[in-house]
Amino acid sequence: MPERFSEERDDRLMNSLIQNYAIEMKDKDGVATGHFFCDRDGALDVSKEVVNTHFSKEKSQQSKLLLDRFDETWNHFDVNHDGIVEVGRMPQFLRFLLGNALAIDLQ
């Protein structure tokens, strides 16, 4: 966990993303690099959590939002089509997914 996200007073969303959903890249010798990314599965898992928490609609509408928007959002952010998105871009990813970047309070 990068020190700037390790304390409770720090960015809780980034802390959760890194701790629960991200993977840390390793160099060619298998040493952790301190660079964190979400793969598609991790992005989908955090998207489900955020939609269930911040998208105040019925469960069927939450599922429809994920079905309708996840692939579009993933393709928008995975610009190199290498199957990963930098963890630092995931807050924007989640806002894009929900469709209104200014109306939700992700922390």
N, C-alpha and C. Protein backbone atom coordinates (compact mmCIF):
# COMPACT_ATOMS: atom_id res chain seq x y z
N MET A 1 0.85 -1.17 0.00
CA MET A 1 0.00 0.00 0.00
C MET A 1 0.90 1.24 0.00
N PRO A 2 0.75 2.09 -1.00
CA PRO A 2 1.52 3.34 -0.96
C PRO A 2 1.19 4.14 0.30
N GLU A 3 2.19 4.73 0.91
CA GLU A 3 2.02 5.41 2.19
C GLU A 3 0.95 6.49 2.13
N ARG A 4 0.82 7.18 1.01
CA ARG A 4 -0.14 8.28 0.92
C ARG A 4 -1.60 7.82 0.97
N PHE A 5 -1.84 6.52 0.88
CA PHE A 5 -3.20 5.98 0.97
C PHE A 5 -3.38 5.04 2.15
N SER A 6 -2.43 4.99 3.06
CA SER A 6 -2.44 3.97 4.10
C SER A 6 -3.23 4.36 5.35
N GLU A 7 -3.42 5.61 5.60
CA GLU A 7 -4.11 6.05 6.82
C GLU A 7 -5.60 6.24 6.58
N GLU A 8 -6.38 6.12 7.63
CA GLU A 8 -7.83 6.30 7.54
C GLU A 8 -8.20 7.68 7.02
N ARG A 9 -7.42 8.70 7.36
CA ARG A 9 -7.73 10.06 6.93
C ARG A 9 -7.41 10.28 5.45
N ASP A 10 -6.71 9.35 4.83
CA ASP A 10 -6.33 9.47 3.43
C ASP A 10 -7.50 9.09 2.53
N ASP A 11 -7.27 9.11 1.28
CA ASP A 11 -8.30 8.81 0.28
C ASP A 11 -8.80 7.38 0.46
N ARG A 12 -10.00 7.22 1.00
CA ARG A 12 -10.53 5.90 1.31
C ARG A 12 -10.83 5.09 0.05
N LEU A 13 -11.27 5.77 -1.01
CA LEU A 13 -11.54 5.06 -2.26
C LEU A 13 -10.26 4.45 -2.80
N MET A 14 -9.20 5.23 -2.87
CA MET A 14 -7.93 4.70 -3.40
C MET A 14 -7.41 3.59 -2.50
N ASN A 15 -7.55 3.75 -1.21
CA ASN A 15 -7.13 2.71 -0.28
C ASN A 15 -7.88 1.41 -0.57
N SER A 16 -9.19 1.50 -0.73
CA SER A 16 -10.00 0.32 -1.02
C SER A 16 -9.65 -0.28 -2.38
N LEU A 17 -9.47 0.57 -3.38
CA LEU A 17 -9.12 0.07 -4.71
C LEU A 17 -7.82 -0.73 -4.68
N ILE A 18 -6.82 -0.16 -4.03
CA ILE A 18 -5.51 -0.83 -3.99
C ILE A 18 -5.58 -2.10 -3.14
N GLN A 19 -6.21 -2.00 -1.98
CA GLN A 19 -6.24 -3.13 -1.06
C GLN A 19 -7.12 -4.28 -1.55
N ASN A 20 -8.24 -3.96 -2.21
CA ASN A 20 -9.23 -4.99 -2.51
C ASN A 20 -9.36 -5.38 -3.98
N TYR A 21 -8.97 -4.51 -4.90
CA TYR A 21 -9.27 -4.77 -6.31
C TYR A 21 -8.07 -4.71 -7.25
N ALA A 22 -7.02 -4.04 -6.86
CA ALA A 22 -5.89 -3.83 -7.76
C ALA A 22 -4.87 -4.97 -7.68
N ILE A 23 -4.07 -5.03 -8.71
CA ILE A 23 -2.92 -5.94 -8.72
C ILE A 23 -1.67 -5.08 -8.85
N GLU A 24 -0.63 -5.50 -8.17
CA GLU A 24 0.63 -4.76 -8.23
C GLU A 24 1.52 -5.40 -9.29
N MET A 25 2.03 -4.58 -10.16
CA MET A 25 2.92 -5.08 -11.20
C MET A 25 4.27 -5.48 -10.59
N LYS A 26 4.87 -6.45 -11.21
CA LYS A 26 6.19 -6.91 -10.78
C LYS A 26 7.15 -6.74 -11.95
N ASP A 27 8.41 -6.54 -11.63
CA ASP A 27 9.40 -6.42 -12.69
C ASP A 27 9.78 -7.81 -13.20
N LYS A 28 10.72 -7.88 -14.12
CA LYS A 28 11.08 -9.16 -14.74
C LYS A 28 11.66 -10.17 -13.74
N ASP A 29 12.13 -9.65 -12.58
CA ASP A 29 12.68 -10.53 -11.55
C ASP A 29 11.63 -10.91 -10.50
N GLY A 30 10.38 -10.46 -10.70
CA GLY A 30 9.30 -10.79 -9.77
C GLY A 30 9.22 -9.87 -8.57
N VAL A 31 9.93 -8.75 -8.61
CA VAL A 31 9.92 -7.80 -7.50
C VAL A 31 8.79 -6.80 -7.71
N ALA A 32 8.00 -6.57 -6.66
CA ALA A 32 6.89 -5.62 -6.74
C ALA A 32 7.41 -4.23 -7.08
N THR A 33 6.69 -3.56 -7.99
CA THR A 33 7.14 -2.25 -8.49
C THR A 33 6.48 -1.06 -7.81
N GLY A 34 5.38 -1.29 -7.08
CA GLY A 34 4.65 -0.18 -6.50
C GLY A 34 3.67 0.46 -7.47
N HIS A 35 3.51 -0.14 -8.64
CA HIS A 35 2.55 0.34 -9.65
C HIS A 35 1.34 -0.59 -9.62
N PHE A 36 0.17 0.01 -9.39
CA PHE A 36 -1.05 -0.77 -9.22
C PHE A 36 -2.00 -0.55 -10.39
N PHE A 37 -2.66 -1.63 -10.79
CA PHE A 37 -3.60 -1.60 -11.91
C PHE A 37 -4.81 -2.46 -11.55
N CYS A 38 -5.93 -2.17 -12.19
CA CYS A 38 -7.09 -3.06 -12.11
C CYS A 38 -7.20 -3.80 -13.43
N ASP A 39 -7.35 -5.11 -13.33
CA ASP A 39 -7.67 -5.86 -14.54
C ASP A 39 -9.18 -5.81 -14.72
N ARG A 40 -9.68 -6.43 -15.76
CA ARG A 40 -11.11 -6.35 -16.07
C ARG A 40 -11.96 -6.92 -14.93
N ASP A 41 -11.53 -8.04 -14.37
CA ASP A 41 -12.28 -8.66 -13.28
C ASP A 41 -12.33 -7.76 -12.04
N GLY A 42 -11.20 -7.16 -11.70
CA GLY A 42 -11.16 -6.25 -10.56
C GLY A 42 -12.02 -5.02 -10.79
N ALA A 43 -11.97 -4.49 -12.02
CA ALA A 43 -12.80 -3.33 -12.35
C ALA A 43 -14.28 -3.67 -12.29
N LEU A 44 -14.64 -4.86 -12.74
CA LEU A 44 -16.04 -5.28 -12.67
C LEU A 44 -16.49 -5.46 -11.22
N ASP A 45 -15.64 -6.04 -10.40
CA ASP A 45 -15.98 -6.23 -8.99
C ASP A 45 -16.20 -4.90 -8.28
N VAL A 46 -15.30 -3.94 -8.47
CA VAL A 46 -15.48 -2.64 -7.81
C VAL A 46 -16.66 -1.90 -8.42
N SER A 47 -16.91 -2.08 -9.69
CA SER A 47 -18.07 -1.44 -10.33
C SER A 47 -19.37 -1.95 -9.72
N LYS A 48 -19.44 -3.24 -9.48
CA LYS A 48 -20.64 -3.81 -8.84
C LYS A 48 -20.84 -3.21 -7.46
N GLU A 49 -19.77 -3.11 -6.69
CA GLU A 49 -19.88 -2.54 -5.35
C GLU A 49 -20.34 -1.09 -5.41
N VAL A 50 -19.75 -0.30 -6.28
CA VAL A 50 -20.09 1.12 -6.36
C VAL A 50 -21.51 1.32 -6.88
N VAL A 51 -21.91 0.55 -7.88
CA VAL A 51 -23.28 0.66 -8.39
C VAL A 51 -24.27 0.30 -7.29
N ASN A 52 -24.00 -0.73 -6.54
CA ASN A 52 -24.91 -1.13 -5.45
C ASN A 52 -24.94 -0.09 -4.33
N THR A 53 -23.85 0.62 -4.12
CA THR A 53 -23.76 1.59 -3.04
C THR A 53 -24.24 2.99 -3.45
N HIS A 54 -23.92 3.42 -4.67
CA HIS A 54 -24.14 4.82 -5.06
C HIS A 54 -25.21 5.03 -6.12
N PHE A 55 -25.71 3.99 -6.69
CA PHE A 55 -26.73 4.11 -7.74
C PHE A 55 -28.06 3.71 -7.12
N SER A 56 -28.79 4.69 -6.64
CA SER A 56 -29.98 4.41 -5.83
C SER A 56 -31.19 4.07 -6.68
N LYS A 57 -31.12 2.93 -7.31
CA LYS A 57 -32.21 2.40 -8.11
C LYS A 57 -32.46 0.96 -7.67
N GLU A 58 -33.49 0.36 -8.22
CA GLU A 58 -33.78 -1.03 -7.92
C GLU A 58 -32.64 -1.93 -8.42
N LYS A 59 -32.53 -3.11 -7.83
CA LYS A 59 -31.48 -4.06 -8.21
C LYS A 59 -31.50 -4.35 -9.71
N SER A 60 -32.68 -4.46 -10.30
CA SER A 60 -32.76 -4.76 -11.73
C SER A 60 -32.17 -3.62 -12.55
N GLN A 61 -32.36 -2.39 -12.09
CA GLN A 61 -31.79 -1.25 -12.81
C GLN A 61 -30.28 -1.18 -12.60
N GLN A 62 -29.81 -1.60 -11.43
CA GLN A 62 -28.37 -1.65 -11.19
C GLN A 62 -27.72 -2.65 -12.13
N SER A 63 -28.34 -3.82 -12.26
CA SER A 63 -27.81 -4.84 -13.17
C SER A 63 -27.82 -4.36 -14.61
N LYS A 64 -28.89 -3.67 -14.99
CA LYS A 64 -28.99 -3.14 -16.35
C LYS A 64 -27.91 -2.11 -16.61
N LEU A 65 -27.64 -1.25 -15.63
CA LEU A 65 -26.58 -0.25 -15.79
C LEU A 65 -25.25 -0.95 -16.06
N LEU A 66 -24.95 -1.97 -15.28
CA LEU A 66 -23.69 -2.69 -15.48
C LEU A 66 -23.65 -3.35 -16.84
N LEU A 67 -24.73 -3.99 -17.24
CA LEU A 67 -24.78 -4.64 -18.55
C LEU A 67 -24.64 -3.64 -19.69
N ASP A 68 -25.30 -2.49 -19.54
CA ASP A 68 -25.32 -1.49 -20.61
C ASP A 68 -24.03 -0.68 -20.69
N ARG A 69 -23.38 -0.42 -19.55
CA ARG A 69 -22.29 0.56 -19.55
C ARG A 69 -20.91 0.01 -19.22
N PHE A 70 -20.81 -1.17 -18.62
CA PHE A 70 -19.48 -1.61 -18.19
C PHE A 70 -18.53 -1.79 -19.37
N ASP A 71 -18.94 -2.51 -20.40
CA ASP A 71 -18.03 -2.75 -21.53
C ASP A 71 -17.60 -1.45 -22.20
N GLU A 72 -18.54 -0.54 -22.37
CA GLU A 72 -18.22 0.77 -22.97
C GLU A 72 -17.20 1.51 -22.10
N THR A 73 -17.44 1.49 -20.79
CA THR A 73 -16.54 2.18 -19.87
C THR A 73 -15.16 1.52 -19.89
N TRP A 74 -15.13 0.19 -19.83
CA TRP A 74 -13.85 -0.53 -19.86
C TRP A 74 -13.07 -0.18 -21.13
N ASN A 75 -13.72 -0.23 -22.27
CA ASN A 75 -13.04 0.06 -23.54
C ASN A 75 -12.58 1.51 -23.61
N HIS A 76 -13.31 2.41 -23.00
CA HIS A 76 -12.91 3.82 -22.98
C HIS A 76 -11.62 4.02 -22.18
N PHE A 77 -11.49 3.32 -21.07
CA PHE A 77 -10.34 3.51 -20.19
C PHE A 77 -9.17 2.57 -20.50
N ASP A 78 -9.42 1.41 -21.07
CA ASP A 78 -8.34 0.49 -21.45
C ASP A 78 -7.91 0.85 -22.87
N VAL A 79 -7.33 2.04 -23.01
CA VAL A 79 -7.04 2.59 -24.33
C VAL A 79 -6.02 1.77 -25.11
N ASN A 80 -5.13 1.09 -24.43
CA ASN A 80 -4.12 0.27 -25.12
C ASN A 80 -4.60 -1.16 -25.34
N HIS A 81 -5.78 -1.48 -24.84
CA HIS A 81 -6.35 -2.83 -24.95
C HIS A 81 -5.38 -3.89 -24.44
N ASP A 82 -4.74 -3.56 -23.31
CA ASP A 82 -3.82 -4.53 -22.70
C ASP A 82 -4.42 -5.19 -21.46
N GLY A 83 -5.70 -4.93 -21.19
CA GLY A 83 -6.40 -5.62 -20.12
C GLY A 83 -6.19 -5.05 -18.73
N ILE A 84 -5.62 -3.84 -18.64
CA ILE A 84 -5.43 -3.21 -17.33
C ILE A 84 -5.70 -1.71 -17.44
N VAL A 85 -6.11 -1.15 -16.30
CA VAL A 85 -6.31 0.29 -16.17
C VAL A 85 -5.59 0.72 -14.90
N GLU A 86 -4.85 1.81 -14.97
CA GLU A 86 -4.12 2.30 -13.81
C GLU A 86 -5.11 2.56 -12.68
N VAL A 87 -4.75 2.15 -11.47
CA VAL A 87 -5.65 2.31 -10.33
C VAL A 87 -5.98 3.79 -10.09
N GLY A 88 -5.08 4.67 -10.41
CA GLY A 88 -5.32 6.11 -10.25
C GLY A 88 -6.41 6.65 -11.17
N ARG A 89 -6.75 5.90 -12.21
CA ARG A 89 -7.81 6.32 -13.13
C ARG A 89 -9.16 5.70 -12.77
N MET A 90 -9.19 4.82 -11.81
CA MET A 90 -10.43 4.14 -11.47
C MET A 90 -11.52 5.05 -10.88
N PRO A 91 -11.19 6.10 -10.10
CA PRO A 91 -12.28 6.99 -9.68
C PRO A 91 -13.01 7.62 -10.88
N GLN A 92 -12.26 8.03 -11.90
CA GLN A 92 -12.88 8.58 -13.11
C GLN A 92 -13.66 7.50 -13.84
N PHE A 93 -13.13 6.30 -13.86
CA PHE A 93 -13.80 5.15 -14.46
C PHE A 93 -15.18 4.97 -13.83
N LEU A 94 -15.23 4.99 -12.52
CA LEU A 94 -16.48 4.76 -11.80
C LEU A 94 -17.48 5.89 -12.03
N ARG A 95 -16.99 7.11 -12.07
CA ARG A 95 -17.88 8.24 -12.36
C ARG A 95 -18.42 8.15 -13.78
N PHE A 96 -17.58 7.79 -14.72
CA PHE A 96 -18.00 7.61 -16.11
C PHE A 96 -19.06 6.52 -16.20
N LEU A 97 -18.83 5.43 -15.50
CA LEU A 97 -19.77 4.31 -15.49
C LEU A 97 -21.15 4.74 -15.01
N LEU A 98 -21.19 5.53 -13.94
CA LEU A 98 -22.45 5.96 -13.37
C LEU A 98 -23.13 7.05 -14.20
N GLY A 99 -22.38 7.67 -15.10
CA GLY A 99 -22.99 8.58 -16.05
C GLY A 99 -23.06 10.03 -15.65
N ASN A 100 -22.74 10.35 -14.41
CA ASN A 100 -22.76 11.74 -13.98
C ASN A 100 -21.59 11.97 -13.04
N ALA A 101 -20.51 12.46 -13.59
CA ALA A 101 -19.26 12.56 -12.85
C ALA A 101 -19.34 13.50 -11.65
N LEU A 102 -20.27 14.44 -11.65
CA LEU A 102 -20.30 15.42 -10.59
C LEU A 102 -21.34 15.14 -9.52
N ALA A 103 -22.26 14.23 -9.76
CA ALA A 103 -23.39 14.07 -8.86
C ALA A 103 -23.19 13.01 -7.80
N ILE A 104 -22.09 12.28 -7.82
CA ILE A 104 -21.91 11.24 -6.82
C ILE A 104 -20.74 11.58 -5.92
N ASP A 105 -20.75 11.03 -4.74
CA ASP A 105 -19.73 11.30 -3.75
C ASP A 105 -18.94 10.03 -3.47
N LEU A 106 -17.94 9.78 -4.29
CA LEU A 106 -17.09 8.61 -4.07
C LEU A 106 -15.98 8.97 -3.11
N GLN A 107 -15.86 8.22 -2.04
CA GLN A 107 -14.80 8.46 -1.07
C GLN A 107 -14.13 7.18 -0.72
